[in-house]
Amino acid sequence: RGAIGFKNRVFYASGTRVFSGTIPLDQPNERTVLTGLTSVTIVGVAVEHPMKVGPDRNLYVAHGNKIGKITAINTTVGNIANFFTYENDIVLRDLESDGRYLVVLGDHNTRMAKESSYPHRCFVDFLNLQSAQSIQRWDFDDRQGSALERGEEEIIVTGADAIYDCTVSQRLRTILPMTGETVLAAGQTTAFNVSTSVGA
């Protein structure tokens, strides 16, 4: 999160900038490609900058409540830090592509999930990149959104309280609660590595 391979280069966020470089990374080949990222901390934790190649084959980076767009790989010219902006109290957690839309996971939890004992308003948003408009937004309650993963036809949504799935035409449904008998094995963080334990 905060680094990705794109057009035979490595892109990574540091502070308020996104850099690109050839492989292996070395400073003479490093280029600044985006400036103006949000880098404020959330309860002492730096804002993450998840990145995703969108269905239009451009690179997108989430930062705070904004999404930046990168089309040029060696310069800042043409790249936009504020391609899409949400409300000020939103924290964007992850980006994914369903092949047609850029899918965005965000919430109103400005604290870490482990410190929050009550649910916050979370959402999954499907963005049309040509019009820069939201096509469908599904709201749900969870302590924090964590990650998105593209399944066969659906988007898998991992929250602090449950794992969900959805599509642009199907609202979120819970597929695995993270409470009761359900446990995650140590070190496993994706929806596909979930196991259940009877009598745990």
Protein backbone atom coordinates (compact mmCIF):
# COMPACT_ATOMS: atom_id res chain seq x y z
CA ARG A 1 0.00 0.00 0.00
CA GLY A 2 1.67 3.14 -1.17
CA ALA A 3 3.75 1.38 -3.89
CA ILE A 4 2.91 -0.31 -7.18
CA GLY A 5 4.41 -1.39 -10.49
CA PHE A 6 3.08 0.55 -13.49
CA LYS A 7 4.35 0.85 -17.09
CA ASN A 8 7.65 -0.90 -16.28
CA ARG A 9 8.42 1.45 -13.41
CA VAL A 10 7.94 1.40 -9.64
CA PHE A 11 5.74 4.13 -8.16
CA TYR A 12 5.76 4.90 -4.45
CA ALA A 13 4.47 7.61 -2.14
CA SER A 14 6.63 9.38 0.39
CA GLY A 15 5.47 12.41 2.36
CA THR A 16 3.46 14.64 0.02
CA ARG A 17 4.84 13.23 -3.25
CA VAL A 18 4.68 10.22 -5.55
CA PHE A 19 7.93 9.13 -7.17
CA SER A 20 8.64 6.77 -10.05
CA GLY A 21 11.82 4.91 -10.82
CA THR A 22 13.26 2.14 -12.91
CA ILE A 23 13.98 -1.32 -11.52
CA PRO A 24 16.19 -1.64 -9.56
CA LEU A 25 15.39 1.62 -7.81
CA ASP A 26 18.18 4.16 -7.63
CA GLN A 27 18.10 7.90 -7.12
CA PRO A 28 19.51 9.01 -10.52
CA ASN A 29 16.46 7.42 -12.20
CA GLU A 30 13.93 8.62 -9.63
CA ARG A 31 11.37 11.18 -10.82
CA THR A 32 8.70 13.14 -8.94
CA VAL A 33 5.40 12.53 -10.75
CA LEU A 34 2.83 13.94 -8.30
CA THR A 35 2.91 16.56 -5.54
CA GLY A 36 0.33 17.79 -3.04
CA LEU A 37 -0.59 14.52 -1.36
CA THR A 38 -2.28 14.59 2.04
CA SER A 39 0.24 13.30 4.56
CA VAL A 40 -1.26 14.31 7.92
CA THR A 41 -1.39 11.61 10.54
CA ILE A 42 -4.43 9.87 11.99
CA VAL A 43 -3.91 9.45 15.75
CA GLY A 44 -0.16 9.29 15.23
CA VAL A 45 -0.35 6.99 12.18
CA ALA A 46 0.60 8.40 8.77
CA VAL A 47 -2.12 8.47 6.11
CA GLU A 48 -1.75 5.52 3.75
CA HIS A 49 -1.58 6.09 0.00
CA PRO A 50 -3.13 3.01 -1.65
CA MET A 51 -2.59 2.90 -5.42
CA LYS A 52 -4.42 1.12 -8.22
CA VAL A 53 -4.31 1.01 -12.00
CA GLY A 54 -7.83 1.94 -13.10
CA PRO A 55 -9.84 0.40 -15.93
CA ASP A 56 -8.70 3.34 -18.12
CA ARG A 57 -5.06 2.20 -17.59
CA ASN A 58 -4.10 5.30 -15.61
CA LEU A 59 -2.71 5.14 -12.07
CA TYR A 60 -4.78 6.39 -9.12
CA VAL A 61 -3.60 7.15 -5.60
CA ALA A 62 -5.81 7.77 -2.56
CA HIS A 63 -4.66 10.27 0.05
CA GLY A 64 -6.82 11.43 2.92
CA ASN A 65 -10.19 12.29 1.34
CA LYS A 66 -8.83 12.73 -2.20
CA ILE A 67 -7.87 10.64 -5.22
CA GLY A 68 -4.99 11.67 -7.47
CA LYS A 69 -4.56 10.65 -11.12
CA ILE A 70 -1.21 9.85 -12.77
CA THR A 71 -0.92 9.62 -16.56
CA ALA A 72 2.68 10.79 -17.09
CA ILE A 73 5.36 8.47 -15.71
CA ASN A 74 8.43 10.78 -15.76
CA THR A 75 7.02 14.22 -14.95
CA THR A 76 4.31 15.98 -12.94
CA VAL A 77 2.87 17.56 -16.11
CA GLY A 78 -0.71 16.37 -16.63
CA ASN A 79 -0.91 14.53 -13.31
CA ILE A 80 -3.61 15.69 -10.88
CA ALA A 81 -3.53 15.43 -7.06
CA ASN A 82 -7.23 16.27 -6.65
CA PHE A 83 -8.93 14.30 -9.42
CA PHE A 84 -11.81 13.40 -7.08
CA THR A 85 -12.55 14.78 -3.59
CA TYR A 86 -14.84 13.47 -0.85
CA GLU A 87 -16.13 15.24 2.26
CA ASN A 88 -13.47 16.55 4.64
CA ASP A 89 -14.17 13.96 7.36
CA ILE A 90 -13.66 10.98 5.01
CA VAL A 91 -10.60 8.73 5.12
CA LEU A 92 -10.03 6.67 1.97
CA ARG A 93 -8.78 3.15 2.78
CA ASP A 94 -8.33 1.32 -0.51
CA LEU A 95 -8.84 1.36 -4.28
CA GLU A 96 -9.75 -1.48 -6.66
CA SER A 97 -10.88 -1.88 -10.27
CA ASP A 98 -13.84 -4.03 -11.29
CA GLY A 99 -12.87 -3.74 -14.96
CA ARG A 100 -15.33 -0.94 -15.60
CA TYR A 101 -15.20 1.40 -12.60
CA LEU A 102 -12.65 2.50 -10.03
CA VAL A 103 -13.94 1.14 -6.71
CA VAL A 104 -13.23 3.21 -3.59
CA LEU A 105 -13.42 2.17 0.06
CA GLY A 106 -13.73 4.92 2.67
CA ASP A 107 -15.08 5.67 6.13
CA HIS A 108 -15.56 8.35 8.77
CA ASN A 109 -13.27 6.68 11.32
CA THR A 110 -10.34 9.02 11.88
CA ARG A 111 -9.02 6.69 14.57
CA MET A 112 -7.56 3.23 14.16
CA ALA A 113 -10.09 0.37 14.17
CA LYS A 114 -8.71 -1.22 17.34
CA GLU A 115 -9.34 2.03 19.21
CA SER A 116 -12.93 2.38 18.03
CA SER A 117 -15.60 0.49 19.97
CA TYR A 118 -18.54 1.61 17.85
CA PRO A 119 -19.38 1.50 14.13
CA HIS A 120 -18.77 4.34 11.72
CA ARG A 121 -20.37 5.11 8.39
CA CYS A 122 -18.34 3.33 5.73
CA PHE A 123 -18.91 3.18 1.99
CA VAL A 124 -17.95 1.50 -1.26
CA ASP A 125 -18.15 3.86 -4.21
CA PHE A 126 -18.04 3.00 -7.92
CA LEU A 127 -16.51 5.88 -9.90
CA ASN A 128 -16.92 6.48 -13.63
CA LEU A 129 -13.47 7.75 -14.59
CA GLN A 130 -14.56 9.37 -17.85
CA SER A 131 -17.10 11.64 -16.17
CA ALA A 132 -15.38 11.70 -12.74
CA GLN A 133 -18.75 10.95 -11.15
CA SER A 134 -20.02 8.41 -8.65
CA ILE A 135 -22.22 5.82 -10.35
CA GLN A 136 -23.22 3.87 -7.24
CA ARG A 137 -22.36 4.25 -3.57
CA TRP A 138 -23.18 1.62 -0.96
CA ASP A 139 -23.10 2.76 2.69
CA PHE A 140 -22.64 0.33 5.57
CA ASP A 141 -21.71 0.38 9.26
CA ASP A 142 -18.37 -1.01 10.46
CA ARG A 143 -15.64 0.17 12.80
CA GLN A 144 -13.36 0.70 9.80
CA GLY A 145 -13.00 -0.28 6.15
CA SER A 146 -9.74 -2.13 5.55
CA ALA A 147 -9.31 -3.51 2.03
CA LEU A 148 -10.86 -4.25 -1.34
CA GLU A 149 -10.19 -7.29 -3.51
CA ARG A 150 -11.60 -8.15 -6.91
CA GLY A 151 -13.33 -11.53 -7.01
CA GLU A 152 -14.67 -13.36 -10.06
CA GLU A 153 -17.62 -11.02 -10.52
CA GLU A 154 -17.84 -9.20 -7.21
CA ILE A 155 -15.76 -6.90 -5.05
CA ILE A 156 -14.72 -8.39 -1.69
CA VAL A 157 -14.75 -5.78 1.09
CA THR A 158 -12.85 -6.40 4.33
CA GLY A 159 -13.91 -4.39 7.36
CA ALA A 160 -12.96 -4.55 11.02
CA ASP A 161 -16.27 -6.28 11.87
CA ALA A 162 -17.01 -8.44 8.81
CA ILE A 163 -16.16 -9.39 5.25
CA TYR A 164 -18.69 -8.34 2.62
CA ASP A 165 -19.20 -8.55 -1.11
CA CYS A 166 -20.93 -6.28 -3.60
CA THR A 167 -21.12 -5.21 -7.24
CA VAL A 168 -22.19 -1.97 -8.84
CA SER A 169 -25.73 -3.36 -9.01
CA GLN A 170 -25.79 -5.41 -5.78
CA ARG A 171 -25.56 -3.72 -2.40
CA LEU A 172 -23.18 -5.00 0.26
CA ARG A 173 -24.03 -8.27 1.95
CA THR A 174 -22.16 -9.82 4.85
CA ILE A 175 -20.43 -13.05 3.85
CA LEU A 176 -18.36 -13.60 7.00
CA PRO A 177 -18.75 -11.88 10.39
CA MET A 178 -15.48 -11.25 12.25
CA THR A 179 -17.08 -12.05 15.61
CA GLY A 180 -18.18 -15.17 17.47
CA GLU A 181 -16.77 -18.42 16.10
CA THR A 182 -14.92 -16.83 13.18
CA VAL A 183 -11.17 -16.31 13.48
CA LEU A 184 -8.40 -15.15 11.21
CA ALA A 185 -5.20 -17.12 11.34
CA ALA A 186 -2.17 -15.03 12.34
CA GLY A 187 -0.65 -13.12 9.45
CA GLN A 188 -3.58 -13.67 7.12
CA THR A 189 -5.13 -10.46 5.94
CA THR A 190 -7.12 -11.15 2.78
CA ALA A 191 -10.67 -12.31 2.38
CA PHE A 192 -9.45 -15.48 0.68
CA ASN A 193 -7.39 -16.64 3.68
CA VAL A 194 -10.26 -16.73 6.16
CA SER A 195 -10.97 -19.85 8.18
CA THR A 196 -13.63 -20.66 10.74
CA SER A 197 -13.00 -22.45 13.99
CA VAL A 198 -15.64 -24.50 15.79
CA GLY A 199 -15.52 -24.15 19.54
CA ALA A 200 -12.74 -21.58 19.47
